[in-house]
Amino acid sequence: VAYSQIQPVLTGAPFLRISPDARAGGLGDQGVATTTDAFSQFW
């Protein structure tokens, strides 16, 4: 039922949209403007 109502934008290599680190995972999956950490490369 949910799938029939959803039209997501599907891409190749979707893992590149998944937050990889635990600190960003605790901050609502964000990191472009947070303070610097070891995992800043992804964001």
PDB file of all heavy atoms in Angstrom:
ATOM      1  N   VAL A   1       0.835  -1.193   0.000  1.00  0.00           N
ATOM      2  CA  VAL A   1       0.000   0.000   0.000  1.00  0.00           C
ATOM      3  C   VAL A   1       0.873   1.247   0.000  1.00  0.00           C
ATOM      4  O   VAL A   1       0.657   2.190  -0.759  1.00  0.00           O
ATOM      5  CB  VAL A   1      -0.945   0.003   1.219  1.00  0.00           C
ATOM      6  CG1 VAL A   1      -1.739   1.304   1.264  1.00  0.00           C
ATOM      7  CG2 VAL A   1      -1.871  -1.201   1.161  1.00  0.00           C
ATOM      8  N   ALA A   2       1.889   1.234   0.870  1.00  0.00           N
ATOM      9  CA  ALA A   2       2.785   2.387   0.941  1.00  0.00           C
ATOM     10  C   ALA A   2       3.521   2.572  -0.374  1.00  0.00           C
ATOM     11  O   ALA A   2       3.711   3.690  -0.849  1.00  0.00           O
ATOM     12  CB  ALA A   2       3.767   2.217   2.095  1.00  0.00           C
ATOM     13  N   TYR A   3       3.964   1.453  -0.984  1.00  0.00           N
ATOM     14  CA  TYR A   3       4.720   1.536  -2.231  1.00  0.00           C
ATOM     15  C   TYR A   3       3.883   2.163  -3.334  1.00  0.00           C
ATOM     16  O   TYR A   3       4.383   2.934  -4.152  1.00  0.00           O
ATOM     17  CB  TYR A   3       5.188   0.147  -2.647  1.00  0.00           C
ATOM     18  CG  TYR A   3       6.078   0.155  -3.866  1.00  0.00           C
ATOM     19  CD1 TYR A   3       7.439   0.376  -3.742  1.00  0.00           C
ATOM     20  CD2 TYR A   3       5.552  -0.044  -5.136  1.00  0.00           C
ATOM     21  CE1 TYR A   3       8.274   0.397  -4.852  1.00  0.00           C
ATOM     22  CE2 TYR A   3       6.368  -0.016  -6.255  1.00  0.00           C
ATOM     23  CZ  TYR A   3       7.726   0.189  -6.107  1.00  0.00           C
ATOM     24  OH  TYR A   3       8.538   0.222  -7.212  1.00  0.00           O
ATOM     25  N   SER A   4       2.582   1.841  -3.359  1.00  0.00           N
ATOM     26  CA  SER A   4       1.718   2.379  -4.397  1.00  0.00           C
ATOM     27  C   SER A   4       1.553   3.884  -4.269  1.00  0.00           C
ATOM     28  O   SER A   4       1.220   4.556  -5.246  1.00  0.00           O
ATOM     29  CB  SER A   4       0.347   1.694  -4.340  1.00  0.00           C
ATOM     30  OG  SER A   4      -0.308   2.013  -3.116  1.00  0.00           O
ATOM     31  N   GLN A   5       1.779   4.420  -3.099  1.00  0.00           N
ATOM     32  CA  GLN A   5       1.631   5.847  -2.871  1.00  0.00           C
ATOM     33  C   GLN A   5       2.952   6.590  -2.977  1.00  0.00           C
ATOM     34  O   GLN A   5       2.968   7.812  -2.933  1.00  0.00           O
ATOM     35  CB  GLN A   5       1.015   6.086  -1.487  1.00  0.00           C
ATOM     36  CG  GLN A   5      -0.366   5.471  -1.319  1.00  0.00           C
ATOM     37  CD  GLN A   5      -0.866   5.579   0.103  1.00  0.00           C
ATOM     38  OE1 GLN A   5      -0.121   5.936   1.014  1.00  0.00           O
ATOM     39  NE2 GLN A   5      -2.142   5.275   0.312  1.00  0.00           N
ATOM     40  N   ILE A   6       4.050   5.878  -3.129  1.00  0.00           N
ATOM     41  CA  ILE A   6       5.371   6.482  -3.141  1.00  0.00           C
ATOM     42  C   ILE A   6       5.966   6.405  -4.539  1.00  0.00           C
ATOM     43  O   ILE A   6       5.913   5.371  -5.192  1.00  0.00           O
ATOM     44  CB  ILE A   6       6.306   5.776  -2.138  1.00  0.00           C
ATOM     45  CG1 ILE A   6       5.804   5.999  -0.716  1.00  0.00           C
ATOM     46  CG2 ILE A   6       7.727   6.266  -2.272  1.00  0.00           C
ATOM     47  CD1 ILE A   6       6.584   5.236   0.314  1.00  0.00           C
ATOM     48  N   GLN A   7       6.520   7.511  -5.007  1.00  0.00           N
ATOM     49  CA  GLN A   7       7.250   7.545  -6.262  1.00  0.00           C
ATOM     50  C   GLN A   7       8.628   8.149  -6.001  1.00  0.00           C
ATOM     51  O   GLN A   7       8.894   9.301  -6.335  1.00  0.00           O
ATOM     52  CB  GLN A   7       6.494   8.355  -7.312  1.00  0.00           C
ATOM     53  CG  GLN A   7       5.257   7.652  -7.865  1.00  0.00           C
ATOM     54  CD  GLN A   7       4.667   8.390  -9.043  1.00  0.00           C
ATOM     55  OE1 GLN A   7       4.775   9.606  -9.148  1.00  0.00           O
ATOM     56  NE2 GLN A   7       4.041   7.664  -9.941  1.00  0.00           N
ATOM     57  N   PRO A   8       9.505   7.373  -5.397  1.00  0.00           N
ATOM     58  CA  PRO A   8      10.822   7.907  -5.052  1.00  0.00           C
ATOM     59  C   PRO A   8      11.691   8.082  -6.284  1.00  0.00           C
ATOM     60  O   PRO A   8      11.450   7.475  -7.337  1.00  0.00           O
ATOM     61  CB  PRO A   8      11.392   6.832  -4.130  1.00  0.00           C
ATOM     62  CG  PRO A   8      10.763   5.576  -4.623  1.00  0.00           C
ATOM     63  CD  PRO A   8       9.362   5.961  -5.039  1.00  0.00           C
ATOM     64  N   VAL A   9      12.699   8.914  -6.151  1.00  0.00           N
ATOM     65  CA  VAL A   9      13.695   9.068  -7.202  1.00  0.00           C
ATOM     66  C   VAL A   9      14.735   7.971  -7.003  1.00  0.00           C
ATOM     67  O   VAL A   9      15.521   8.015  -6.055  1.00  0.00           O
ATOM     68  CB  VAL A   9      14.352  10.459  -7.142  1.00  0.00           C
ATOM     69  CG1 VAL A   9      15.405  10.591  -8.233  1.00  0.00           C
ATOM     70  CG2 VAL A   9      13.300  11.555  -7.285  1.00  0.00           C
ATOM     71  N   LEU A  10      14.724   6.979  -7.865  1.00  0.00           N
ATOM     72  CA  LEU A  10      15.646   5.853  -7.741  1.00  0.00           C
ATOM     73  C   LEU A  10      16.881   6.085  -8.590  1.00  0.00           C
ATOM     74  O   LEU A  10      16.799   6.605  -9.705  1.00  0.00           O
ATOM     75  CB  LEU A  10      14.947   4.553  -8.170  1.00  0.00           C
ATOM     76  CG  LEU A  10      13.714   4.152  -7.359  1.00  0.00           C
ATOM     77  CD1 LEU A  10      13.120   2.858  -7.889  1.00  0.00           C
ATOM     78  CD2 LEU A  10      14.063   3.999  -5.889  1.00  0.00           C
ATOM     79  N   THR A  11      18.028   5.706  -8.067  1.00  0.00           N
ATOM     80  CA  THR A  11      19.297   5.904  -8.754  1.00  0.00           C
ATOM     81  C   THR A  11      20.138   4.645  -8.664  1.00  0.00           C
ATOM     82  O   THR A  11      19.811   3.702  -7.935  1.00  0.00           O
ATOM     83  CB  THR A  11      20.094   7.064  -8.115  1.00  0.00           C
ATOM     84  OG1 THR A  11      20.532   6.660  -6.801  1.00  0.00           O
ATOM     85  CG2 THR A  11      19.259   8.324  -8.017  1.00  0.00           C
ATOM     86  N   GLY A  12      21.236   4.635  -9.387  1.00  0.00           N
ATOM     87  CA  GLY A  12      22.235   3.615  -9.182  1.00  0.00           C
ATOM     88  C   GLY A  12      23.073   3.951  -7.964  1.00  0.00           C
ATOM     89  O   GLY A  12      23.076   5.097  -7.485  1.00  0.00           O
ATOM     90  N   ALA A  13      23.775   2.969  -7.422  1.00  0.00           N
ATOM     91  CA  ALA A  13      24.637   3.160  -6.253  1.00  0.00           C
ATOM     92  C   ALA A  13      23.935   3.943  -5.147  1.00  0.00           C
ATOM     93  O   ALA A  13      24.464   4.952  -4.649  1.00  0.00           O
ATOM     94  CB  ALA A  13      25.939   3.853  -6.645  1.00  0.00           C
ATOM     95  N   PRO A  14      22.740   3.524  -4.719  1.00  0.00           N
ATOM     96  CA  PRO A  14      22.001   4.291  -3.707  1.00  0.00           C
ATOM     97  C   PRO A  14      22.672   4.310  -2.341  1.00  0.00           C
ATOM     98  O   PRO A  14      22.291   5.113  -1.485  1.00  0.00           O
ATOM     99  CB  PRO A  14      20.645   3.580  -3.648  1.00  0.00           C
ATOM    100  CG  PRO A  14      20.929   2.183  -4.079  1.00  0.00           C
ATOM    101  CD  PRO A  14      22.004   2.302  -5.113  1.00  0.00           C
ATOM    102  N   PHE A  15      23.669   3.444  -2.114  1.00  0.00           N
ATOM    103  CA  PHE A  15      24.355   3.468  -0.821  1.00  0.00           C
ATOM    104  C   PHE A  15      25.047   4.799  -0.578  1.00  0.00           C
ATOM    105  O   PHE A  15      25.316   5.168   0.577  1.00  0.00           O
ATOM    106  CB  PHE A  15      25.370   2.315  -0.750  1.00  0.00           C
ATOM    107  CG  PHE A  15      26.642   2.545  -1.511  1.00  0.00           C
ATOM    108  CD1 PHE A  15      27.824   2.849  -0.848  1.00  0.00           C
ATOM    109  CD2 PHE A  15      26.672   2.442  -2.901  1.00  0.00           C
ATOM    110  CE1 PHE A  15      29.003   3.060  -1.548  1.00  0.00           C
ATOM    111  CE2 PHE A  15      27.843   2.627  -3.604  1.00  0.00           C
ATOM    112  CZ  PHE A  15      29.013   2.945  -2.925  1.00  0.00           C
ATOM    113  N   LEU A  16      25.329   5.561  -1.645  1.00  0.00           N
ATOM    114  CA  LEU A  16      25.967   6.868  -1.491  1.00  0.00           C
ATOM    115  C   LEU A  16      25.034   7.899  -0.866  1.00  0.00           C
ATOM    116  O   LEU A  16      25.459   9.007  -0.553  1.00  0.00           O
ATOM    117  CB  LEU A  16      26.474   7.367  -2.843  1.00  0.00           C
ATOM    118  CG  LEU A  16      27.617   6.556  -3.461  1.00  0.00           C
ATOM    119  CD1 LEU A  16      27.934   7.050  -4.863  1.00  0.00           C
ATOM    120  CD2 LEU A  16      28.859   6.620  -2.571  1.00  0.00           C
ATOM    121  N   ARG A  17      23.767   7.539  -0.673  1.00  0.00           N
ATOM    122  CA  ARG A  17      22.827   8.430   0.015  1.00  0.00           C
ATOM    123  C   ARG A  17      22.660   8.041   1.479  1.00  0.00           C
ATOM    124  O   ARG A  17      21.946   8.731   2.218  1.00  0.00           O
ATOM    125  CB  ARG A  17      21.462   8.392  -0.671  1.00  0.00           C
ATOM    126  CG  ARG A  17      21.436   8.971  -2.076  1.00  0.00           C
ATOM    127  CD  ARG A  17      20.037   8.910  -2.654  1.00  0.00           C
ATOM    128  NE  ARG A  17      19.085   9.698  -1.865  1.00  0.00           N
ATOM    129  CZ  ARG A  17      17.777   9.662  -2.049  1.00  0.00           C
ATOM    130  NH1 ARG A  17      17.254   8.879  -2.978  1.00  0.00           N
ATOM    131  NH2 ARG A  17      16.973  10.395  -1.292  1.00  0.00           N
ATOM    132  N   ILE A  18      23.279   6.966   1.901  1.00  0.00           N
ATOM    133  CA  ILE A  18      23.104   6.475   3.263  1.00  0.00           C
ATOM    134  C   ILE A  18      24.199   7.047   4.160  1.00  0.00           C
ATOM    135  O   ILE A  18      25.390   6.907   3.863  1.00  0.00           O
ATOM    136  CB  ILE A  18      23.151   4.937   3.300  1.00  0.00           C
ATOM    137  CG1 ILE A  18      22.079   4.352   2.375  1.00  0.00           C
ATOM    138  CG2 ILE A  18      22.945   4.430   4.717  1.00  0.00           C
ATOM    139  CD1 ILE A  18      22.173   2.859   2.204  1.00  0.00           C
ATOM    140  N   SER A  19      23.813   7.673   5.230  1.00  0.00           N
ATOM    141  CA  SER A  19      24.778   8.238   6.174  1.00  0.00           C
ATOM    142  C   SER A  19      25.681   7.133   6.720  1.00  0.00           C
ATOM    143  O   SER A  19      25.188   6.168   7.301  1.00  0.00           O
ATOM    144  CB  SER A  19      24.045   8.928   7.324  1.00  0.00           C
ATOM    145  OG  SER A  19      24.938   9.292   8.348  1.00  0.00           O
ATOM    146  N   PRO A  20      27.008   7.254   6.586  1.00  0.00           N
ATOM    147  CA  PRO A  20      27.880   6.153   6.988  1.00  0.00           C
ATOM    148  C   PRO A  20      28.380   6.207   8.422  1.00  0.00           C
ATOM    149  O   PRO A  20      28.920   5.218   8.914  1.00  0.00           O
ATOM    150  CB  PRO A  20      29.064   6.300   6.022  1.00  0.00           C
ATOM    151  CG  PRO A  20      29.180   7.776   5.821  1.00  0.00           C
ATOM    152  CD  PRO A  20      27.762   8.310   5.881  1.00  0.00           C
ATOM    153  N   ASP A  21      28.250   7.360   9.103  1.00  0.00           N
ATOM    154  CA  ASP A  21      28.915   7.472  10.403  1.00  0.00           C
ATOM    155  C   ASP A  21      27.926   7.692  11.535  1.00  0.00           C
ATOM    156  O   ASP A  21      26.836   8.248  11.350  1.00  0.00           O
ATOM    157  CB  ASP A  21      29.959   8.601  10.382  1.00  0.00           C
ATOM    158  CG  ASP A  21      29.338   9.974  10.251  1.00  0.00           C
ATOM    159  OD1 ASP A  21      28.857  10.293   9.148  1.00  0.00           O
ATOM    160  OD2 ASP A  21      29.345  10.724  11.235  1.00  0.00           O
ATOM    161  N   ALA A  22      28.336   7.251  12.727  1.00  0.00           N
ATOM    162  CA  ALA A  22      27.451   7.254  13.886  1.00  0.00           C
ATOM    163  C   ALA A  22      27.203   8.654  14.430  1.00  0.00           C
ATOM    164  O   ALA A  22      26.120   8.924  14.961  1.00  0.00           O
ATOM    165  CB  ALA A  22      28.030   6.363  14.982  1.00  0.00           C
ATOM    166  N   ARG A  23      28.185   9.547  14.317  1.00  0.00           N
ATOM    167  CA  ARG A  23      27.946  10.893  14.833  1.00  0.00           C
ATOM    168  C   ARG A  23      26.849  11.591  14.029  1.00  0.00           C
ATOM    169  O   ARG A  23      25.899  12.142  14.597  1.00  0.00           O
ATOM    170  CB  ARG A  23      29.224  11.725  14.778  1.00  0.00           C
ATOM    171  CG  ARG A  23      29.024  13.099  15.434  1.00  0.00           C
ATOM    172  CD  ARG A  23      30.079  14.101  15.098  1.00  0.00           C
ATOM    173  NE  ARG A  23      29.760  15.412  15.658  1.00  0.00           N
ATOM    174  CZ  ARG A  23      30.147  16.563  15.136  1.00  0.00           C
ATOM    175  NH1 ARG A  23      30.886  16.572  14.047  1.00  0.00           N
ATOM    176  NH2 ARG A  23      29.799  17.701  15.697  1.00  0.00           N
ATOM    177  N   ALA A  24      26.969  11.571  12.698  1.00  0.00           N
ATOM    178  CA  ALA A  24      25.921  12.152  11.862  1.00  0.00           C
ATOM    179  C   ALA A  24      24.607  11.411  12.065  1.00  0.00           C
ATOM    180  O   ALA A  24      23.529  12.012  12.003  1.00  0.00           O
ATOM    181  CB  ALA A  24      26.335  12.113  10.398  1.00  0.00           C
ATOM    182  N   GLY A  25      24.697  10.093  12.321  1.00  0.00           N
ATOM    183  CA  GLY A  25      23.494   9.314  12.573  1.00  0.00           C
ATOM    184  C   GLY A  25      22.747   9.763  13.804  1.00  0.00           C
ATOM    185  O   GLY A  25      21.532   9.581  13.907  1.00  0.00           O
ATOM    186  N   GLY A  26      23.438  10.355  14.774  1.00  0.00           N
ATOM    187  CA  GLY A  26      22.780  10.892  15.955  1.00  0.00           C
ATOM    188  C   GLY A  26      22.280  12.308  15.776  1.00  0.00           C
ATOM    189  O   GLY A  26      21.544  12.833  16.619  1.00  0.00           O
ATOM    190  N   LEU A  27      22.674  12.946  14.663  1.00  0.00           N
ATOM    191  CA  LEU A  27      22.302  14.329  14.388  1.00  0.00           C
ATOM    192  C   LEU A  27      21.312  14.428  13.240  1.00  0.00           C
ATOM    193  O   LEU A  27      21.332  15.376  12.456  1.00  0.00           O
ATOM    194  CB  LEU A  27      23.562  15.150  14.059  1.00  0.00           C
ATOM    195  CG  LEU A  27      24.555  15.348  15.201  1.00  0.00           C
ATOM    196  CD1 LEU A  27      25.842  16.000  14.695  1.00  0.00           C
ATOM    197  CD2 LEU A  27      23.935  16.212  16.313  1.00  0.00           C
ATOM    198  N   GLY A  28      20.433  13.451  13.127  1.00  0.00           N
ATOM    199  CA  GLY A  28      19.439  13.497  12.070  1.00  0.00           C
ATOM    200  C   GLY A  28      20.009  13.294  10.686  1.00  0.00           C
ATOM    201  O   GLY A  28      19.466  13.799   9.698  1.00  0.00           O
ATOM    202  N   ASP A  29      21.105  12.539  10.588  1.00  0.00           N
ATOM    203  CA  ASP A  29      21.759  12.254   9.298  1.00  0.00           C
ATOM    204  C   ASP A  29      22.109  13.535   8.553  1.00  0.00           C
ATOM    205  O   ASP A  29      21.684  13.767   7.412  1.00  0.00           O
ATOM    206  CB  ASP A  29      20.874  11.356   8.429  1.00  0.00           C
ATOM    207  CG  ASP A  29      20.933   9.905   8.862  1.00  0.00           C
ATOM    208  OD1 ASP A  29      21.864   9.563   9.619  1.00  0.00           O
ATOM    209  OD2 ASP A  29      20.058   9.114   8.462  1.00  0.00           O
ATOM    210  N   GLN A  30      22.899  14.375   9.207  1.00  0.00           N
ATOM    211  CA  GLN A  30      23.397  15.580   8.551  1.00  0.00           C
ATOM    212  C   GLN A  30      24.849  15.793   8.931  1.00  0.00           C
ATOM    213  O   GLN A  30      25.326  15.281   9.955  1.00  0.00           O
ATOM    214  CB  GLN A  30      22.574  16.804   8.946  1.00  0.00           C
ATOM    215  CG  GLN A  30      22.653  17.180  10.425  1.00  0.00           C
ATOM    216  CD  GLN A  30      22.065  18.551  10.691  1.00  0.00           C
ATOM    217  OE1 GLN A  30      22.631  19.579  10.337  1.00  0.00           O
ATOM    218  NE2 GLN A  30      20.888  18.553  11.326  1.00  0.00           N
ATOM    219  N   GLY A  31      25.574  16.571   8.102  1.00  0.00           N
ATOM    220  CA  GLY A  31      26.981  16.795   8.406  1.00  0.00           C
ATOM    221  C   GLY A  31      27.659  17.834   7.550  1.00  0.00           C
ATOM    222  O   GLY A  31      28.857  18.053   7.683  1.00  0.00           O
ATOM    223  N   VAL A  32      26.919  18.531   6.680  1.00  0.00           N
ATOM    224  CA  VAL A  32      27.569  19.476   5.783  1.00  0.00           C
ATOM    225  C   VAL A  32      28.051  20.726   6.510  1.00  0.00           C
ATOM    226  O   VAL A  32      29.011  21.383   6.078  1.00  0.00           O
ATOM    227  CB  VAL A  32      26.616  19.853   4.623  1.00  0.00           C
ATOM    228  CG1 VAL A  32      25.522  20.798   5.083  1.00  0.00           C
ATOM    229  CG2 VAL A  32      27.386  20.447   3.457  1.00  0.00           C
ATOM    230  N   ALA A  33      27.417  21.077   7.640  1.00  0.00           N
ATOM    231  CA  ALA A  33      27.798  22.297   8.361  1.00  0.00           C
ATOM    232  C   ALA A  33      28.071  22.054   9.830  1.00  0.00           C
ATOM    233  O   ALA A  33      28.251  23.008  10.591  1.00  0.00           O
ATOM    234  CB  ALA A  33      26.710  23.361   8.214  1.00  0.00           C
ATOM    235  N   THR A  34      28.122  20.799  10.263  1.00  0.00           N
ATOM    236  CA  THR A  34      28.452  20.505  11.659  1.00  0.00           C
ATOM    237  C   THR A  34      29.946  20.714  11.882  1.00  0.00           C
ATOM    238  O   THR A  34      30.713  20.918  10.935  1.00  0.00           O
ATOM    239  CB  THR A  34      28.070  19.054  12.006  1.00  0.00           C
ATOM    240  OG1 THR A  34      28.732  18.162  11.092  1.00  0.00           O
ATOM    241  CG2 THR A  34      26.566  18.856  11.906  1.00  0.00           C
ATOM    242  N   THR A  35      30.376  20.668  13.134  1.00  0.00           N
ATOM    243  CA  THR A  35      31.798  20.831  13.410  1.00  0.00           C
ATOM    244  C   THR A  35      32.585  19.650  12.831  1.00  0.00           C
ATOM    245  O   THR A  35      32.060  18.564  12.617  1.00  0.00           O
ATOM    246  CB  THR A  35      32.043  20.918  14.926  1.00  0.00           C
ATOM    247  OG1 THR A  35      31.453  19.777  15.567  1.00  0.00           O
ATOM    248  CG2 THR A  35      31.440  22.185  15.501  1.00  0.00           C
ATOM    249  N   THR A  36      33.863  19.887  12.603  1.00  0.00           N
ATOM    250  CA  THR A  36      34.710  18.908  11.932  1.00  0.00           C
ATOM    251  C   THR A  36      34.888  17.648  12.763  1.00  0.00           C
ATOM    252  O   THR A  36      35.008  17.691  13.984  1.00  0.00           O
ATOM    253  CB  THR A  36      36.095  19.517  11.656  1.00  0.00           C
ATOM    254  OG1 THR A  36      35.932  20.750  10.970  1.00  0.00           O
ATOM    255  CG2 THR A  36      36.943  18.588  10.818  1.00  0.00           C
ATOM    256  N   ASP A  37      34.895  16.496  12.081  1.00  0.00           N
ATOM    257  CA  ASP A  37      35.240  15.232  12.718  1.00  0.00           C
ATOM    258  C   ASP A  37      35.973  14.368  11.697  1.00  0.00           C
ATOM    259  O   ASP A  37      36.205  14.778  10.554  1.00  0.00           O
ATOM    260  CB  ASP A  37      34.014  14.522  13.286  1.00  0.00           C
ATOM    261  CG  ASP A  37      32.951  14.258  12.240  1.00  0.00           C
ATOM    262  OD1 ASP A  37      33.316  14.012  11.075  1.00  0.00           O
ATOM    263  OD2 ASP A  37      31.757  14.299  12.571  1.00  0.00           O
ATOM    264  N   ALA A  38      36.325  13.161  12.090  1.00  0.00           N
ATOM    265  CA  ALA A  38      37.099  12.285  11.213  1.00  0.00           C
ATOM    266  C   ALA A  38      36.318  11.839   9.988  1.00  0.00           C
ATOM    267  O   ALA A  38      36.905  11.412   8.986  1.00  0.00           O
ATOM    268  CB  ALA A  38      37.578  11.058  11.994  1.00  0.00           C
ATOM    269  N   PHE A  39      34.977  11.928  10.030  1.00  0.00           N
ATOM    270  CA  PHE A  39      34.140  11.430   8.942  1.00  0.00           C
ATOM    271  C   PHE A  39      33.637  12.544   8.027  1.00  0.00           C
ATOM    272  O   PHE A  39      32.686  12.344   7.269  1.00  0.00           O
ATOM    273  CB  PHE A  39      32.946  10.669   9.522  1.00  0.00           C
ATOM    274  CG  PHE A  39      33.330   9.518  10.399  1.00  0.00           C
ATOM    275  CD1 PHE A  39      33.260   9.636  11.786  1.00  0.00           C
ATOM    276  CD2 PHE A  39      33.785   8.327   9.864  1.00  0.00           C
ATOM    277  CE1 PHE A  39      33.620   8.577  12.608  1.00  0.00           C
ATOM    278  CE2 PHE A  39      34.150   7.258  10.678  1.00  0.00           C
ATOM    279  CZ  PHE A  39      34.068   7.387  12.056  1.00  0.00           C
ATOM    280  N   SER A  40      34.271  13.704   8.076  1.00  0.00           N
ATOM    281  CA  SER A  40      33.814  14.844   7.272  1.00  0.00           C
ATOM    282  C   SER A  40      33.910  14.582   5.774  1.00  0.00           C
ATOM    283  O   SER A  40      33.244  15.262   4.984  1.00  0.00           O
ATOM    284  CB  SER A  40      34.626  16.092   7.628  1.00  0.00           C
ATOM    285  OG  SER A  40      34.416  16.479   8.969  1.00  0.00           O
ATOM    286  N   GLN A  41      34.716  13.632   5.358  1.00  0.00           N
ATOM    287  CA  GLN A  41      34.898  13.353   3.937  1.00  0.00           C
ATOM    288  C   GLN A  41      33.572  13.076   3.232  1.00  0.00           C
ATOM    289  O   GLN A  41      33.361  13.525   2.108  1.00  0.00           O
ATOM    290  CB  GLN A  41      35.835  12.154   3.768  1.00  0.00           C
ATOM    291  CG  GLN A  41      36.099  11.743   2.330  1.00  0.00           C
ATOM    292  CD  GLN A  41      37.267  12.481   1.712  1.00  0.00           C
ATOM    293  OE1 GLN A  41      37.767  13.456   2.272  1.00  0.00           O
ATOM    294  NE2 GLN A  41      37.710  12.028   0.567  1.00  0.00           N
ATOM    295  N   PHE A  42      32.685  12.337   3.869  1.00  0.00           N
ATOM    296  CA  PHE A  42      31.419  11.982   3.232  1.00  0.00           C
ATOM    297  C   PHE A  42      30.524  13.202   3.042  1.00  0.00           C
ATOM    298  O   PHE A  42      29.822  13.316   2.031  1.00  0.00           O
ATOM    299  CB  PHE A  42      30.688  10.925   4.071  1.00  0.00           C
ATOM    300  CG  PHE A  42      29.357  10.517   3.504  1.00  0.00           C
ATOM    301  CD1 PHE A  42      29.279   9.560   2.506  1.00  0.00           C
ATOM    302  CD2 PHE A  42      28.169  11.097   3.972  1.00  0.00           C
ATOM    303  CE1 PHE A  42      28.044   9.184   1.981  1.00  0.00           C
ATOM    304  CE2 PHE A  42      26.943  10.720   3.455  1.00  0.00           C
ATOM    305  CZ  PHE A  42      26.881   9.762   2.451  1.00  0.00           C
ATOM    306  N   TRP A  43      30.533  14.108   4.001  1.00  0.00           N
ATOM    307  CA  TRP A  43      29.597  15.234   3.996  1.00  0.00           C
ATOM    308  C   TRP A  43      30.175  16.484   3.354  1.00  0.00           C
ATOM    309  O   TRP A  43      29.513  17.128   2.551  1.00  0.00           O
ATOM    310  CB  TRP A  43      29.178  15.554   5.431  1.00  0.00           C
ATOM    311  CG  TRP A  43      28.550  14.407   6.131  1.00  0.00           C
ATOM    312  CD1 TRP A  43      29.147  13.544   7.012  1.00  0.00           C
ATOM    313  CD2 TRP A  43      27.202  13.950   5.995  1.00  0.00           C
ATOM    314  NE1 TRP A  43      28.258  12.597   7.445  1.00  0.00           N
ATOM    315  CE2 TRP A  43      27.046  12.820   6.835  1.00  0.00           C
ATOM    316  CE3 TRP A  43      26.106  14.401   5.266  1.00  0.00           C
ATOM    317  CZ2 TRP A  43      25.845  12.141   6.938  1.00  0.00           C
ATOM    318  CZ3 TRP A  43      24.905  13.724   5.368  1.00  0.00           C
ATOM    319  CH2 TRP A  43      24.786  12.605   6.198  1.00  0.00           C
TER     320      TRP A  43
END
